Amino acid sequence: MANANNVVALNRLKKKGFEIEQLLNGMIQSQLNKESVARYAGVGSEYLAERMQLVKDEVELLSLQYNFPTKNDVANLAKLMIQIEEKIEAIEGQLASVTQTLEELNKKVNSNLPNQRYLRELTPKGQSAKNGGVVLSKTPGKDSKVVQMERWFYL
């Protein structure tokens, strides 16, 4: 029986709470719909916007003095990093294209040479193909010594 009274009391409390909530929502909405409240809120927001701009300007000055990055500095750095990544990707594509072209040219040169003896004959005196007379490398910069050869053969 005590439990039944508690359940009834809880239901009444919920009902009264819902009624009070509806009443308060109605009062708030009626106050917000007034023009004077809207004007006051507009003036207040303008004041806050001015103060926020002053704070941003002060932070900018302090960041220069104490050498720490601002939000704008970080945003600009992020944009620069994206641009650098795009440029690196473009350069990688060009490098792959150049590497492929060089490999094709190396194949043509090797197919036009009858044998290695002919290559040794064209190498300048004191140089050999292994020492750097001719470099046909797939990786740029590894075997960078290239000696100009006389052009006695046709490509």
Protein backbone atom coordinates (compact mmCIF):
# COMPACT_ATOMS: atom_id res chain seq x y z
CA MET A 1 0.00 0.00 0.00
CA ALA A 2 2.87 2.35 0.74
CA ASN A 3 4.30 1.59 -2.69
CA ALA A 4 1.01 2.45 -4.37
CA ASN A 5 0.94 5.82 -2.58
CA ASN A 6 4.53 6.49 -3.69
CA VAL A 7 3.67 5.71 -7.32
CA VAL A 8 0.66 8.02 -7.21
CA ALA A 9 2.75 10.79 -5.61
CA LEU A 10 5.46 10.37 -8.29
CA ASN A 11 2.88 10.60 -11.07
CA ARG A 12 1.44 13.80 -9.58
CA LEU A 13 4.96 15.24 -9.22
CA LYS A 14 5.77 14.42 -12.86
CA LYS A 15 2.52 16.01 -14.00
CA LYS A 16 3.13 19.21 -11.98
CA GLY A 17 6.77 19.35 -13.18
CA PHE A 18 5.65 19.10 -16.80
CA GLU A 19 3.05 21.85 -16.26
CA ILE A 20 5.63 24.16 -14.63
CA GLU A 21 8.11 23.47 -17.45
CA GLN A 22 5.50 24.40 -20.07
CA LEU A 23 4.63 27.58 -18.15
CA LEU A 24 8.29 28.65 -17.87
CA ASN A 25 8.94 27.93 -21.58
CA GLY A 26 5.94 30.08 -22.50
CA MET A 27 7.16 32.95 -20.31
CA ILE A 28 10.68 32.79 -21.75
CA GLN A 29 9.40 32.75 -25.32
CA SER A 30 7.08 35.66 -24.71
CA GLN A 31 9.95 37.72 -23.24
CA LEU A 32 12.31 36.83 -26.10
CA ASN A 33 9.77 37.89 -28.72
CA LYS A 34 9.88 41.48 -27.47
CA GLU A 35 11.77 43.98 -29.64
CA SER A 36 13.52 45.63 -26.68
CA VAL A 37 15.14 42.35 -25.65
CA ALA A 38 16.35 41.78 -29.20
CA ARG A 39 17.83 45.30 -29.37
CA TYR A 40 19.54 44.85 -26.01
CA ALA A 41 20.98 41.53 -27.12
CA GLY A 42 22.22 43.16 -30.35
CA VAL A 43 23.97 45.96 -28.45
CA GLY A 44 25.50 43.44 -26.07
CA SER A 45 26.78 41.26 -28.89
CA GLU A 46 28.33 44.27 -30.65
CA TYR A 47 30.14 45.19 -27.44
CA LEU A 48 31.37 41.62 -27.00
CA ALA A 49 32.57 41.51 -30.62
CA GLU A 50 34.59 44.70 -30.10
CA ARG A 51 36.14 43.33 -26.91
CA MET A 52 37.00 40.05 -28.61
CA GLN A 53 38.74 41.93 -31.43
CA LEU A 54 40.75 43.92 -28.88
CA VAL A 55 41.79 40.70 -27.15
CA LYS A 56 42.85 39.18 -30.51
CA ASP A 57 44.92 42.28 -31.28
CA GLU A 58 46.60 42.11 -27.87
CA VAL A 59 47.37 38.41 -28.33
CA GLU A 60 48.90 39.21 -31.72
CA LEU A 61 51.16 41.84 -30.14
CA LEU A 62 52.15 39.50 -27.32
CA SER A 63 52.86 36.69 -29.76
CA LEU A 64 55.34 38.91 -31.58
CA GLN A 65 56.98 39.94 -28.34
CA TYR A 66 57.17 36.47 -26.78
CA ASN A 67 57.59 34.58 -30.06
CA PHE A 68 54.71 32.10 -29.90
CA PRO A 69 52.42 31.24 -32.82
CA THR A 70 48.90 32.55 -33.12
CA LYS A 71 45.89 30.75 -34.56
CA ASN A 72 46.42 32.54 -37.88
CA ASP A 73 50.09 31.50 -37.94
CA VAL A 74 49.13 27.86 -37.47
CA ALA A 75 46.46 28.12 -40.18
CA ASN A 76 48.93 29.69 -42.63
CA LEU A 77 51.47 26.99 -41.82
CA ALA A 78 48.90 24.29 -42.52
CA LYS A 79 48.11 25.87 -45.91
CA LEU A 80 51.82 26.01 -46.76
CA MET A 81 52.27 22.37 -45.79
CA ILE A 82 49.41 21.35 -48.08
CA GLN A 83 50.95 23.34 -50.95
CA ILE A 84 54.35 21.72 -50.33
CA GLU A 85 52.82 18.24 -50.33
CA GLU A 86 51.11 18.96 -53.66
CA LYS A 87 54.37 20.24 -55.16
CA ILE A 88 56.27 17.19 -53.92
CA GLU A 89 53.69 14.90 -55.50
CA ALA A 90 54.01 16.79 -58.79
CA ILE A 91 57.81 16.53 -58.68
CA GLU A 92 57.59 12.80 -57.89
CA GLY A 93 55.41 12.34 -60.97
CA GLN A 94 57.87 14.25 -63.13
CA LEU A 95 60.79 12.26 -61.68
CA ALA A 96 59.03 8.99 -62.46
CA SER A 97 58.43 10.17 -66.03
CA VAL A 98 62.07 11.22 -66.46
CA THR A 99 63.29 7.93 -64.98
CA GLN A 100 61.09 5.95 -67.37
CA THR A 101 62.36 8.00 -70.32
CA LEU A 102 65.96 7.43 -69.26
CA GLU A 103 65.39 3.69 -68.96
CA GLU A 104 63.89 3.63 -72.46
CA LEU A 105 66.87 5.58 -73.82
CA ASN A 106 69.29 3.23 -72.06
CA LYS A 107 67.55 0.25 -73.67
CA LYS A 108 67.83 1.89 -77.10
CA VAL A 109 71.53 2.65 -76.57
CA ASN A 110 72.22 -0.88 -75.37
CA SER A 111 70.30 -2.42 -78.25
CA ASN A 112 72.20 -0.28 -80.82
CA LEU A 113 75.64 -1.23 -79.46
CA PRO A 114 76.80 -4.49 -81.03
CA ASN A 115 78.92 -5.53 -78.07
CA GLN A 116 80.85 -4.30 -75.05
CA ARG A 117 84.11 -4.22 -77.02
CA TYR A 118 82.68 -1.40 -79.15
CA LEU A 119 81.78 0.48 -75.96
CA ARG A 120 85.33 0.07 -74.64
CA GLU A 121 86.71 1.43 -77.90
CA LEU A 122 84.57 4.58 -77.58
CA THR A 123 85.52 5.19 -73.95
CA PRO A 124 88.22 7.86 -73.54
CA LYS A 125 91.70 6.62 -72.65
CA GLY A 126 92.23 6.01 -68.95
CA GLN A 127 88.50 5.53 -68.36
CA SER A 128 86.54 2.32 -68.34
CA ALA A 129 82.84 1.66 -68.35
CA LYS A 130 83.05 0.45 -64.75
CA ASN A 131 85.06 3.47 -63.55
CA GLY A 132 82.63 6.00 -64.88
CA GLY A 133 83.21 6.24 -68.57
CA VAL A 134 79.55 5.43 -69.08
CA VAL A 135 76.94 5.45 -66.35
CA LEU A 136 73.58 3.84 -66.90
CA SER A 137 72.01 3.99 -63.44
CA LYS A 138 68.39 3.61 -62.41
CA THR A 139 68.82 5.70 -59.28
CA PRO A 140 69.87 9.32 -59.77
CA GLY A 141 72.87 10.42 -57.75
CA LYS A 142 74.36 6.98 -57.12
CA ASP A 143 76.82 6.86 -60.01
CA SER A 144 77.03 10.53 -60.82
CA LYS A 145 80.34 10.63 -62.70
CA VAL A 146 79.65 10.86 -66.42
CA VAL A 147 82.36 11.41 -69.04
CA GLN A 148 81.50 12.80 -72.46
CA MET A 149 82.14 10.16 -75.11
CA GLU A 150 82.89 10.62 -78.77
CA ARG A 151 79.80 9.94 -80.86
CA TRP A 152 80.99 7.28 -83.28
CA PHE A 153 77.82 5.29 -83.12
CA TYR A 154 74.30 6.10 -84.22
CA LEU A 155 71.27 6.01 -81.94
